[in-house]
Amino acid sequence: MPTARLLGILIVFGIVFMVTGGAIWDFTESWRVVFIGEIITALLLIPPVIIHARRAK
């Protein structure tokens, strides 16, 4: 995967994770719930990217 594309993906996902974590914190004020929410977000977002990268090869 080209470096520029990898950096772009990291930036986009970083923004998504920061916004999601902030929204979860605003509603719950619990780090445990934020951590669980981030794991769920990662499980929803990262597998499609991996699948797409494998198909592109």
C-alpha atoms as a PDB file:
ATOM      1  CA  MET A   1       0.000   0.000   0.000  1.00  0.00           C
ATOM      2  CA  PRO A   2       1.435   3.404  -0.907  1.00  0.00           C
ATOM      3  CA  THR A   3       2.614   5.573   1.961  1.00  0.00           C
ATOM      4  CA  ALA A   4       0.337   8.473   1.029  1.00  0.00           C
ATOM      5  CA  ARG A   5      -2.728   6.230   1.090  1.00  0.00           C
ATOM      6  CA  LEU A   6      -1.715   4.720   4.432  1.00  0.00           C
ATOM      7  CA  LEU A   7      -1.273   8.178   5.980  1.00  0.00           C
ATOM      8  CA  GLY A   8      -4.640   9.260   4.594  1.00  0.00           C
ATOM      9  CA  ILE A   9      -6.360   6.240   6.103  1.00  0.00           C
ATOM     10  CA  LEU A  10      -4.680   6.858   9.472  1.00  0.00           C
ATOM     11  CA  ILE A  11      -5.767  10.511   9.471  1.00  0.00           C
ATOM     12  CA  VAL A  12      -9.373   9.732   8.530  1.00  0.00           C
ATOM     13  CA  PHE A  13      -9.673   6.911  11.055  1.00  0.00           C
ATOM     14  CA  GLY A  14      -7.970   9.032  13.724  1.00  0.00           C
ATOM     15  CA  ILE A  15     -10.616  11.717  13.293  1.00  0.00           C
ATOM     16  CA  VAL A  16     -13.416   9.146  13.438  1.00  0.00           C
ATOM     17  CA  PHE A  17     -12.018   7.609  16.621  1.00  0.00           C
ATOM     18  CA  MET A  18     -11.522  10.997  18.327  1.00  0.00           C
ATOM     19  CA  VAL A  19     -15.048  12.162  17.502  1.00  0.00           C
ATOM     20  CA  THR A  20     -16.577   8.835  18.533  1.00  0.00           C
ATOM     21  CA  GLY A  21     -14.640   8.770  21.797  1.00  0.00           C
ATOM     22  CA  GLY A  22     -15.609  12.353  22.561  1.00  0.00           C
ATOM     23  CA  ALA A  23     -19.288  11.704  21.874  1.00  0.00           C
ATOM     24  CA  ILE A  24     -19.299   8.584  24.032  1.00  0.00           C
ATOM     25  CA  TRP A  25     -17.501  10.442  26.836  1.00  0.00           C
ATOM     26  CA  ASP A  26     -20.027  13.293  26.637  1.00  0.00           C
ATOM     27  CA  PHE A  27     -22.925  10.887  27.193  1.00  0.00           C
ATOM     28  CA  THR A  28     -21.411   8.467  29.709  1.00  0.00           C
ATOM     29  CA  GLU A  29     -18.334  10.072  31.355  1.00  0.00           C
ATOM     30  CA  SER A  30     -16.864   6.601  31.756  1.00  0.00           C
ATOM     31  CA  TRP A  31     -13.491   5.593  30.327  1.00  0.00           C
ATOM     32  CA  ARG A  32     -14.515   1.938  30.320  1.00  0.00           C
ATOM     33  CA  VAL A  33     -17.484   2.676  28.053  1.00  0.00           C
ATOM     34  CA  VAL A  34     -15.304   4.859  25.807  1.00  0.00           C
ATOM     35  CA  PHE A  35     -12.791   2.024  25.460  1.00  0.00           C
ATOM     36  CA  ILE A  36     -15.529  -0.475  24.603  1.00  0.00           C
ATOM     37  CA  GLY A  37     -17.033   1.969  22.119  1.00  0.00           C
ATOM     38  CA  GLU A  38     -13.660   2.455  20.432  1.00  0.00           C
ATOM     39  CA  ILE A  39     -13.205  -1.305  20.114  1.00  0.00           C
ATOM     40  CA  ILE A  40     -16.647  -1.620  18.546  1.00  0.00           C
ATOM     41  CA  THR A  41     -15.850   1.240  16.172  1.00  0.00           C
ATOM     42  CA  ALA A  42     -12.590  -0.445  15.182  1.00  0.00           C
ATOM     43  CA  LEU A  43     -14.354  -3.762  14.572  1.00  0.00           C
ATOM     44  CA  LEU A  44     -16.853  -2.006  12.302  1.00  0.00           C
ATOM     45  CA  LEU A  45     -14.371   0.119  10.320  1.00  0.00           C
ATOM     46  CA  ILE A  46     -11.123  -1.795   9.952  1.00  0.00           C
ATOM     47  CA  PRO A  47     -12.223  -5.166   8.437  1.00  0.00           C
ATOM     48  CA  PRO A  48     -13.747  -3.579   5.284  1.00  0.00           C
ATOM     49  CA  VAL A  49     -10.475  -1.712   4.681  1.00  0.00           C
ATOM     50  CA  ILE A  50      -8.466  -4.928   5.027  1.00  0.00           C
ATOM     51  CA  ILE A  51     -10.844  -6.768   2.682  1.00  0.00           C
ATOM     52  CA  HIS A  52     -10.634  -3.982   0.123  1.00  0.00           C
ATOM     53  CA  ALA A  53      -6.830  -3.936   0.295  1.00  0.00           C
ATOM     54  CA  ARG A  54      -6.677  -7.700  -0.285  1.00  0.00           C
ATOM     55  CA  ARG A  55      -9.009  -7.476  -3.289  1.00  0.00           C
ATOM     56  CA  ALA A  56      -6.966  -4.648  -4.803  1.00  0.00           C
ATOM     57  CA  LYS A  57      -3.838  -6.833  -4.986  1.00  0.00           C
END
